Amino acid sequence: MHTLDAAKLVAQEAGRILAALYEEPHEVTVKGPRDITTEADLRSEARAAEILRALYPHHRIVSEEAYNHFSAEEDVPTWYIDPLDGTTNYARGYPIFSISVAMVERGEVQCGVVYHPLLKHLFWAERGHGAYLNGRRLRVSERQSLQEAIVLLDWPRDPALRERSVRFLSRLVPLTDAVRSGGSAALSFCAIAAGWADIYYQYTLQPWDVAAGMLIAAEAGATVTDLSGEPAALHKKDWLVTNGLLHRDVLALEPWG
């Protein structure tokens, strides 16, 4: 099976599990400050791993719950999975969450899928072949003014980084149209790709959070860097994603200032 088709299969199969359990009572386990998991995370992840092991027994798997060790072996095809991106939303019944699946080879994301199972939004991209939502080609917005821009952000768990994010937001908000915080980084990357929003930033993300979304955004024409403007890389924590036209304006406001 082609790896993109496998990624779609994994995302949709995991999505069926999340949709089926969504309105049920959840078993919530606290992993740390502002960090939880549920039985749905684990069941989604187990199903994803089951499919990938059957299809590609020699590939590696890196995911949020049971397989959360970053792989440095670039010559081994590696799957990065977030089985439930937006666990806090899911546990509270807030309907913004997704599954993120990506395959990385030779240090580059080759294909990525993000699936919103309640809306049945299937975002996907293959390197060099564009980004799509349910078969419709995606393209970033053409907004050239911060005054027209919608800003997306998610909140770091660390209090000091939260304060830094607030300071940066205080410089950005007066210049922009509106601000939204969704709670699923993968869906925020896809919103930039679709042109629904224009700027997204976060100070603390993991490889499984961003692997699929970074490719989908880039293939739709987004500029994807860290918050210093340096090239994006899977292992980096801080991220800035824009339609490209607003990137310099955002960096000029000094995200690390």
C-alpha atoms as a PDB file:
ATOM      1  CA  MET A   1       0.000   0.000   0.000  1.00  0.00           C
ATOM      2  CA  HIS A   2       1.223   3.496  -0.853  1.00  0.00           C
ATOM      3  CA  THR A   3       2.293   5.314   2.303  1.00  0.00           C
ATOM      4  CA  LEU A   4      -0.166   8.179   1.775  1.00  0.00           C
ATOM      5  CA  ASP A   5      -3.031   5.712   1.478  1.00  0.00           C
ATOM      6  CA  ALA A   6      -1.791   4.003   4.632  1.00  0.00           C
ATOM      7  CA  ALA A   7      -1.708   7.320   6.487  1.00  0.00           C
ATOM      8  CA  LYS A   8      -5.289   8.050   5.413  1.00  0.00           C
ATOM      9  CA  LEU A   9      -6.398   4.577   6.505  1.00  0.00           C
ATOM     10  CA  VAL A  10      -4.741   4.929   9.906  1.00  0.00           C
ATOM     11  CA  ALA A  11      -6.231   8.375  10.511  1.00  0.00           C
ATOM     12  CA  GLN A  12      -9.746   7.318   9.555  1.00  0.00           C
ATOM     13  CA  GLU A  13      -9.639   4.064  11.515  1.00  0.00           C
ATOM     14  CA  ALA A  14      -8.394   5.887  14.620  1.00  0.00           C
ATOM     15  CA  GLY A  15     -11.007   8.558  13.977  1.00  0.00           C
ATOM     16  CA  ARG A  16     -13.803   6.005  14.085  1.00  0.00           C
ATOM     17  CA  ILE A  17     -12.687   5.009  17.555  1.00  0.00           C
ATOM     18  CA  LEU A  18     -12.576   8.610  18.768  1.00  0.00           C
ATOM     19  CA  ALA A  19     -15.980   9.407  17.292  1.00  0.00           C
ATOM     20  CA  ALA A  20     -17.543   6.297  18.845  1.00  0.00           C
ATOM     21  CA  LEU A  21     -16.185   7.116  22.318  1.00  0.00           C
ATOM     22  CA  TYR A  22     -16.673  10.883  22.137  1.00  0.00           C
ATOM     23  CA  GLU A  23     -19.918  11.128  24.114  1.00  0.00           C
ATOM     24  CA  GLU A  24     -19.043   8.350  26.568  1.00  0.00           C
ATOM     25  CA  PRO A  25     -17.617   8.937  30.074  1.00  0.00           C
ATOM     26  CA  HIS A  26     -13.811   9.049  29.895  1.00  0.00           C
ATOM     27  CA  GLU A  27     -11.066   7.550  32.021  1.00  0.00           C
ATOM     28  CA  VAL A  28      -8.750  10.518  32.492  1.00  0.00           C
ATOM     29  CA  THR A  29      -5.159   9.997  33.617  1.00  0.00           C
ATOM     30  CA  VAL A  30      -3.043  12.982  34.665  1.00  0.00           C
ATOM     31  CA  LYS A  31       0.472  12.784  33.203  1.00  0.00           C
ATOM     32  CA  GLY A  32       1.656  16.146  34.520  1.00  0.00           C
ATOM     33  CA  PRO A  33       0.623  19.789  34.847  1.00  0.00           C
ATOM     34  CA  ARG A  34      -2.008  20.570  32.201  1.00  0.00           C
ATOM     35  CA  ASP A  35      -1.245  17.204  30.580  1.00  0.00           C
ATOM     36  CA  ILE A  36      -3.772  14.366  30.479  1.00  0.00           C
ATOM     37  CA  THR A  37      -4.562  11.229  28.533  1.00  0.00           C
ATOM     38  CA  THR A  38      -7.754   9.217  28.166  1.00  0.00           C
ATOM     39  CA  GLU A  39      -8.700   5.669  27.252  1.00  0.00           C
ATOM     40  CA  ALA A  40      -9.579   7.031  23.803  1.00  0.00           C
ATOM     41  CA  ASP A  41      -5.969   8.221  23.220  1.00  0.00           C
ATOM     42  CA  LEU A  42      -4.694   4.742  24.029  1.00  0.00           C
ATOM     43  CA  ARG A  43      -7.245   2.870  21.929  1.00  0.00           C
ATOM     44  CA  SER A  44      -6.693   5.183  18.975  1.00  0.00           C
ATOM     45  CA  GLU A  45      -2.929   4.784  19.241  1.00  0.00           C
ATOM     46  CA  ALA A  46      -3.158   1.001  19.576  1.00  0.00           C
ATOM     47  CA  ARG A  47      -5.256   0.742  16.416  1.00  0.00           C
ATOM     48  CA  ALA A  48      -2.892   3.000  14.484  1.00  0.00           C
ATOM     49  CA  ALA A  49       0.133   0.950  15.558  1.00  0.00           C
ATOM     50  CA  GLU A  50      -1.649  -2.300  14.720  1.00  0.00           C
ATOM     51  CA  ILE A  51      -2.301  -1.196  11.138  1.00  0.00           C
ATOM     52  CA  LEU A  52       1.199   0.167  10.572  1.00  0.00           C
ATOM     53  CA  ARG A  53       2.945  -2.872  12.031  1.00  0.00           C
ATOM     54  CA  ALA A  54       0.930  -5.121   9.719  1.00  0.00           C
ATOM     55  CA  LEU A  55       1.707  -3.014   6.647  1.00  0.00           C
ATOM     56  CA  TYR A  56       5.299  -2.007   7.428  1.00  0.00           C
ATOM     57  CA  PRO A  57       6.873  -4.319  10.024  1.00  0.00           C
ATOM     58  CA  HIS A  58      10.329  -2.754   9.596  1.00  0.00           C
ATOM     59  CA  HIS A  59       9.265   0.873   9.970  1.00  0.00           C
ATOM     60  CA  ARG A  60       9.554   2.776  13.249  1.00  0.00           C
ATOM     61  CA  ILE A  61       6.670   4.351  15.137  1.00  0.00           C
ATOM     62  CA  VAL A  62       6.912   7.499  17.261  1.00  0.00           C
ATOM     63  CA  SER A  63       3.721   8.647  18.978  1.00  0.00           C
ATOM     64  CA  GLU A  64       2.532  10.582  21.983  1.00  0.00           C
ATOM     65  CA  GLU A  65       1.555   7.867  24.443  1.00  0.00           C
ATOM     66  CA  ALA A  66       3.345   4.510  24.162  1.00  0.00           C
ATOM     67  CA  TYR A  67       6.061   5.191  21.582  1.00  0.00           C
ATOM     68  CA  ASN A  68       7.249   8.669  22.524  1.00  0.00           C
ATOM     69  CA  HIS A  69      10.961   8.353  21.754  1.00  0.00           C
ATOM     70  CA  PHE A  70      12.230  10.633  18.996  1.00  0.00           C
ATOM     71  CA  SER A  71      14.065   8.672  16.310  1.00  0.00           C
ATOM     72  CA  ALA A  72      17.428   9.960  15.125  1.00  0.00           C
ATOM     73  CA  GLU A  73      17.863   7.182  12.523  1.00  0.00           C
ATOM     74  CA  GLU A  74      17.026   9.097   9.379  1.00  0.00           C
ATOM     75  CA  ASP A  75      17.524   6.081   7.114  1.00  0.00           C
ATOM     76  CA  VAL A  76      14.652   4.178   8.760  1.00  0.00           C
ATOM     77  CA  PRO A  77      11.140   5.208   7.631  1.00  0.00           C
ATOM     78  CA  THR A  78       9.395   6.502  10.750  1.00  0.00           C
ATOM     79  CA  TRP A  79       5.721   7.172  11.433  1.00  0.00           C
ATOM     80  CA  TYR A  80       4.833  10.071  13.702  1.00  0.00           C
ATOM     81  CA  ILE A  81       1.375   9.732  15.229  1.00  0.00           C
ATOM     82  CA  ASP A  82      -0.681  11.897  17.525  1.00  0.00           C
ATOM     83  CA  PRO A  83      -3.653   9.614  18.201  1.00  0.00           C
ATOM     84  CA  LEU A  84      -5.682  12.422  19.760  1.00  0.00           C
ATOM     85  CA  ASP A  85      -4.477  15.984  19.294  1.00  0.00           C
ATOM     86  CA  GLY A  86      -6.701  18.006  21.590  1.00  0.00           C
ATOM     87  CA  THR A  87      -7.167  15.586  24.478  1.00  0.00           C
ATOM     88  CA  THR A  88      -8.334  18.260  26.922  1.00  0.00           C
ATOM     89  CA  ASN A  89     -11.005  19.374  24.455  1.00  0.00           C
ATOM     90  CA  TYR A  90     -12.063  15.766  23.882  1.00  0.00           C
ATOM     91  CA  ALA A  91     -12.269  14.950  27.579  1.00  0.00           C
ATOM     92  CA  ARG A  92     -14.455  18.009  28.181  1.00  0.00           C
ATOM     93  CA  GLY A  93     -16.724  17.351  25.205  1.00  0.00           C
ATOM     94  CA  TYR A  94     -15.407  20.333  23.222  1.00  0.00           C
ATOM     95  CA  PRO A  95     -15.569  19.191  19.575  1.00  0.00           C
ATOM     96  CA  ILE A  96     -12.170  20.366  18.325  1.00  0.00           C
ATOM     97  CA  PHE A  97      -9.644  17.527  18.113  1.00  0.00           C
ATOM     98  CA  SER A  98      -7.888  15.478  15.455  1.00  0.00           C
ATOM     99  CA  ILE A  99      -5.642  12.569  14.581  1.00  0.00           C
ATOM    100  CA  SER A 100      -2.268  13.348  13.015  1.00  0.00           C
ATOM    101  CA  VAL A 101      -0.271  10.783  11.000  1.00  0.00           C
ATOM    102  CA  ALA A 102       2.944  11.386   9.058  1.00  0.00           C
ATOM    103  CA  MET A 103       5.735   9.332   7.534  1.00  0.00           C
ATOM    104  CA  VAL A 104       9.284  10.671   7.732  1.00  0.00           C
ATOM    105  CA  GLU A 105      12.179   9.348   5.676  1.00  0.00           C
ATOM    106  CA  ARG A 106      15.713  10.722   5.277  1.00  0.00           C
ATOM    107  CA  GLY A 107      14.848  13.489   7.736  1.00  0.00           C
ATOM    108  CA  GLU A 108      11.909  14.848   5.710  1.00  0.00           C
ATOM    109  CA  VAL A 109       8.178  14.370   6.035  1.00  0.00           C
ATOM    110  CA  GLN A 110       7.070  12.482   2.934  1.00  0.00           C
ATOM    111  CA  CYS A 111       3.325  12.448   3.544  1.00  0.00           C
ATOM    112  CA  GLY A 112       0.958  13.657   6.236  1.00  0.00           C
ATOM    113  CA  VAL A 113      -2.705  13.353   7.154  1.00  0.00           C
ATOM    114  CA  VAL A 114      -4.771  15.234   9.734  1.00  0.00           C
ATOM    115  CA  TYR A 115      -8.330  14.040  10.329  1.00  0.00           C
ATOM    116  CA  HIS A 116     -11.173  15.723  12.201  1.00  0.00           C
ATOM    117  CA  PRO A 117     -13.496  12.747  12.761  1.00  0.00           C
ATOM    118  CA  LEU A 118     -16.618  14.674  13.762  1.00  0.00           C
ATOM    119  CA  LEU A 119     -16.564  16.923  10.686  1.00  0.00           C
ATOM    120  CA  LYS A 120     -15.013  14.192   8.533  1.00  0.00           C
ATOM    121  CA  HIS A 121     -12.398  16.692   7.367  1.00  0.00           C
ATOM    122  CA  LEU A 122      -9.474  14.753   5.906  1.00  0.00           C
ATOM    123  CA  PHE A 123      -6.475  17.011   5.274  1.00  0.00           C
ATOM    124  CA  TRP A 124      -3.543  15.457   3.485  1.00  0.00           C
ATOM    125  CA  ALA A 125      -0.371  16.207   1.596  1.00  0.00           C
ATOM    126  CA  GLU A 126       2.405  14.384  -0.183  1.00  0.00           C
ATOM    127  CA  ARG A 127       5.762  16.070  -0.636  1.00  0.00           C
ATOM    128  CA  GLY A 128       5.822  17.933  -3.944  1.00  0.00           C
ATOM    129  CA  HIS A 129       2.178  17.211  -4.771  1.00  0.00           C
ATOM    130  CA  GLY A 130       0.200  19.865  -2.915  1.00  0.00           C
ATOM    131  CA  ALA A 131      -2.195  19.831   0.023  1.00  0.00           C
ATOM    132  CA  TYR A 132      -5.852  18.851   0.001  1.00  0.00           C
ATOM    133  CA  LEU A 133      -9.021  18.769   2.090  1.00  0.00           C
ATOM    134  CA  ASN A 134     -11.331  15.931   1.044  1.00  0.00           C
ATOM    135  CA  GLY A 135      -9.901  16.159  -2.464  1.00  0.00           C
ATOM    136  CA  ARG A 136     -10.045  19.967  -2.758  1.00  0.00           C
ATOM    137  CA  ARG A 137      -6.686  21.674  -3.352  1.00  0.00           C
ATOM    138  CA  LEU A 138      -5.688  23.998  -0.525  1.00  0.00           C
ATOM    139  CA  ARG A 139      -3.974  27.355  -0.754  1.00  0.00           C
ATOM    140  CA  VAL A 140      -3.030  29.860   1.926  1.00  0.00           C
ATOM    141  CA  SER A 141      -4.721  33.251   2.111  1.00  0.00           C
ATOM    142  CA  GLU A 142      -3.521  36.305   0.204  1.00  0.00           C
ATOM    143  CA  ARG A 143      -3.960  38.780   3.056  1.00  0.00           C
ATOM    144  CA  GLN A 144      -1.082  41.238   3.121  1.00  0.00           C
ATOM    145  CA  SER A 145      -2.007  43.364   6.132  1.00  0.00           C
ATOM    146  CA  LEU A 146      -1.861  42.403   9.795  1.00  0.00           C
ATOM    147  CA  GLN A 147      -5.039  44.417  10.231  1.00  0.00           C
ATOM    148  CA  GLU A 148      -6.889  41.780   8.177  1.00  0.00           C
ATOM    149  CA  ALA A 149      -5.226  38.778   9.803  1.00  0.00           C
ATOM    150  CA  ILE A 150      -6.753  36.087  11.995  1.00  0.00           C
ATOM    151  CA  VAL A 151      -4.220  34.790  14.514  1.00  0.00           C
ATOM    152  CA  LEU A 152      -4.283  31.258  15.930  1.00  0.00           C
ATOM    153  CA  LEU A 153      -2.305  30.132  18.943  1.00  0.00           C
ATOM    154  CA  ASP A 154      -2.155  27.364  21.523  1.00  0.00           C
ATOM    155  CA  TRP A 155      -0.934  27.682  25.076  1.00  0.00           C
ATOM    156  CA  PRO A 156       2.288  26.195  26.480  1.00  0.00           C
ATOM    157  CA  ARG A 157       1.955  24.153  29.648  1.00  0.00           C
ATOM    158  CA  ASP A 158       4.984  25.844  31.214  1.00  0.00           C
ATOM    159  CA  PRO A 159       3.961  29.004  33.148  1.00  0.00           C
ATOM    160  CA  ALA A 160       7.024  31.015  32.079  1.00  0.00           C
ATOM    161  CA  LEU A 161       6.400  30.277  28.405  1.00  0.00           C
ATOM    162  CA  ARG A 162       2.726  31.135  28.881  1.00  0.00           C
ATOM    163  CA  GLU A 163       3.767  34.533  30.138  1.00  0.00           C
ATOM    164  CA  ARG A 164       6.068  34.992  27.154  1.00  0.00           C
ATOM    165  CA  SER A 165       3.249  33.998  24.808  1.00  0.00           C
ATOM    166  CA  VAL A 166       0.971  36.551  26.459  1.00  0.00           C
ATOM    167  CA  ARG A 167       3.608  39.284  26.076  1.00  0.00           C
ATOM    168  CA  PHE A 168       3.995  38.519  22.389  1.00  0.00           C
ATOM    169  CA  LEU A 169       0.220  38.347  21.949  1.00  0.00           C
ATOM    170  CA  SER A 170      -0.133  41.757  23.586  1.00  0.00           C
ATOM    171  CA  ARG A 171       2.040  43.211  20.798  1.00  0.00           C
ATOM    172  CA  LEU A 172       0.233  41.291  18.073  1.00  0.00           C
ATOM    173  CA  VAL A 173      -3.422  41.720  19.099  1.00  0.00           C
ATOM    174  CA  PRO A 174      -3.722  45.507  18.605  1.00  0.00           C
ATOM    175  CA  LEU A 175      -2.510  45.134  15.023  1.00  0.00           C
ATOM    176  CA  THR A 176      -4.673  42.199  13.896  1.00  0.00           C
ATOM    177  CA  ASP A 177      -8.323  41.433  13.198  1.00  0.00           C
ATOM    178  CA  ALA A 178      -9.011  38.565  15.634  1.00  0.00           C
ATOM    179  CA  VAL A 179      -7.417  35.834  17.734  1.00  0.00           C
ATOM    180  CA  ARG A 180      -8.524  32.219  18.195  1.00  0.00           C
ATOM    181  CA  SER A 181      -7.194  29.356  20.313  1.00  0.00           C
ATOM    182  CA  GLY A 182      -8.426  25.959  19.165  1.00  0.00           C
ATOM    183  CA  GLY A 183      -6.535  23.428  21.248  1.00  0.00           C
ATOM    184  CA  SER A 184      -5.353  21.207  18.369  1.00  0.00           C
ATOM    185  CA  ALA A 185      -2.052  22.293  16.823  1.00  0.00           C
ATOM    186  CA  ALA A 186      -2.514  19.954  13.862  1.00  0.00           C
ATOM    187  CA  LEU A 187      -5.851  21.552  12.972  1.00  0.00           C
ATOM    188  CA  SER A 188      -4.330  25.016  13.339  1.00  0.00           C
ATOM    189  CA  PHE A 189      -1.608  24.171  10.800  1.00  0.00           C
ATOM    190  CA  CYS A 190      -4.389  22.971   8.481  1.00  0.00           C
ATOM    191  CA  ALA A 191      -6.408  26.153   9.018  1.00  0.00           C
ATOM    192  CA  ILE A 192      -3.455  28.182   7.762  1.00  0.00           C
ATOM    193  CA  ALA A 193      -3.167  25.822   4.778  1.00  0.00           C
ATOM    194  CA  ALA A 194      -6.858  26.283   3.969  1.00  0.00           C
ATOM    195  CA  GLY A 195      -6.680  30.082   4.192  1.00  0.00           C
ATOM    196  CA  TRP A 196      -9.152  30.166   7.089  1.00  0.00           C
ATOM    197  CA  ALA A 197      -6.555  31.938   9.243  1.00  0.00           C
ATOM    198  CA  ASP A 198      -3.280  33.679   8.491  1.00  0.00           C
ATOM    199  CA  ILE A 199      -0.888  33.318  11.457  1.00  0.00           C
ATOM    200  CA  TYR A 200      -0.270  30.506  13.954  1.00  0.00           C
ATOM    201  CA  TYR A 201       2.318  30.309  16.702  1.00  0.00           C
ATOM    202  CA  GLN A 202       3.217  28.065  19.622  1.00  0.00           C
ATOM    203  CA  TYR A 203       6.267  27.859  21.888  1.00  0.00           C
ATOM    204  CA  THR A 204       6.184  24.162  22.813  1.00  0.00           C
ATOM    205  CA  LEU A 205       5.246  21.449  20.347  1.00  0.00           C
ATOM    206  CA  GLN A 206       6.387  17.841  19.943  1.00  0.00           C
ATOM    207  CA  PRO A 207       7.300  16.072  16.676  1.00  0.00           C
ATOM    208  CA  TRP A 208       4.023  14.119  16.617  1.00  0.00           C
ATOM    209  CA  ASP A 209       2.107  17.400  16.986  1.00  0.00           C
ATOM    210  CA  VAL A 210       3.629  18.957  13.881  1.00  0.00           C
ATOM    211  CA  ALA A 211       4.876  16.277  11.474  1.00  0.00           C
ATOM    212  CA  ALA A 212       1.731  16.070   9.341  1.00  0.00           C
ATOM    213  CA  GLY A 213       0.658  19.680   9.757  1.00  0.00           C
ATOM    214  CA  MET A 214       3.991  21.196   8.761  1.00  0.00           C
ATOM    215  CA  LEU A 215       3.913  19.390   5.413  1.00  0.00           C
ATOM    216  CA  ILE A 216       0.243  20.194   4.755  1.00  0.00           C
ATOM    217  CA  ALA A 217       0.871  23.879   5.484  1.00  0.00           C
ATOM    218  CA  ALA A 218       4.055  24.052   3.408  1.00  0.00           C
ATOM    219  CA  GLU A 219       2.462  22.280   0.452  1.00  0.00           C
ATOM    220  CA  ALA A 220      -0.362  24.857   0.545  1.00  0.00           C
ATOM    221  CA  GLY A 221       2.171  27.686   0.273  1.00  0.00           C
ATOM    222  CA  ALA A 222       2.670  28.566   3.939  1.00  0.00           C
ATOM    223  CA  THR A 223       5.937  29.775   5.386  1.00  0.00           C
ATOM    224  CA  VAL A 224       6.897  27.513   8.295  1.00  0.00           C
ATOM    225  CA  THR A 225       9.771  28.468  10.627  1.00  0.00           C
ATOM    226  CA  ASP A 226      10.608  28.649  14.284  1.00  0.00           C
ATOM    227  CA  LEU A 227       9.834  31.832  16.222  1.00  0.00           C
ATOM    228  CA  SER A 228      13.269  33.218  15.376  1.00  0.00           C
ATOM    229  CA  GLY A 229      12.628  32.828  11.661  1.00  0.00           C
ATOM    230  CA  GLU A 230      14.997  29.892  11.264  1.00  0.00           C
ATOM    231  CA  PRO A 231      13.974  26.944   9.045  1.00  0.00           C
ATOM    232  CA  ALA A 232      11.470  24.520  10.506  1.00  0.00           C
ATOM    233  CA  ALA A 233      12.706  21.154  11.758  1.00  0.00           C
ATOM    234  CA  LEU A 234      10.785  18.306  13.300  1.00  0.00           C
ATOM    235  CA  HIS A 235      12.644  18.374  16.613  1.00  0.00           C
ATOM    236  CA  LYS A 236      12.128  22.109  17.254  1.00  0.00           C
ATOM    237  CA  LYS A 237       9.751  23.228  20.001  1.00  0.00           C
ATOM    238  CA  ASP A 238       8.670  26.692  18.806  1.00  0.00           C
ATOM    239  CA  TRP A 239       6.757  27.269  15.591  1.00  0.00           C
ATOM    240  CA  LEU A 240       5.502  30.111  13.427  1.00  0.00           C
ATOM    241  CA  VAL A 241       3.256  29.366  10.447  1.00  0.00           C
ATOM    242  CA  THR A 242       1.872  32.123   8.225  1.00  0.00           C
ATOM    243  CA  ASN A 243       0.585  32.698   4.720  1.00  0.00           C
ATOM    244  CA  GLY A 244       4.097  33.932   3.906  1.00  0.00           C
ATOM    245  CA  LEU A 245       3.031  37.489   3.154  1.00  0.00           C
ATOM    246  CA  LEU A 246       2.811  38.341   6.867  1.00  0.00           C
ATOM    247  CA  HIS A 247       5.814  36.408   8.128  1.00  0.00           C
ATOM    248  CA  ARG A 248       8.300  39.284   8.332  1.00  0.00           C
ATOM    249  CA  ASP A 249       5.731  41.527  10.009  1.00  0.00           C
ATOM    250  CA  VAL A 250       5.135  38.927  12.720  1.00  0.00           C
ATOM    251  CA  LEU A 251       8.841  38.323  13.323  1.00  0.00           C
ATOM    252  CA  ALA A 252       9.415  42.081  13.542  1.00  0.00           C
ATOM    253  CA  LEU A 253       7.272  42.052  16.697  1.00  0.00           C
ATOM    254  CA  GLU A 254       9.950  39.881  18.367  1.00  0.00           C
ATOM    255  CA  PRO A 255       8.256  36.673  19.558  1.00  0.00           C
ATOM    256  CA  TRP A 256      11.176  36.100  21.962  1.00  0.00           C
ATOM    257  CA  GLY A 257      11.281  39.722  23.126  1.00  0.00           C
END
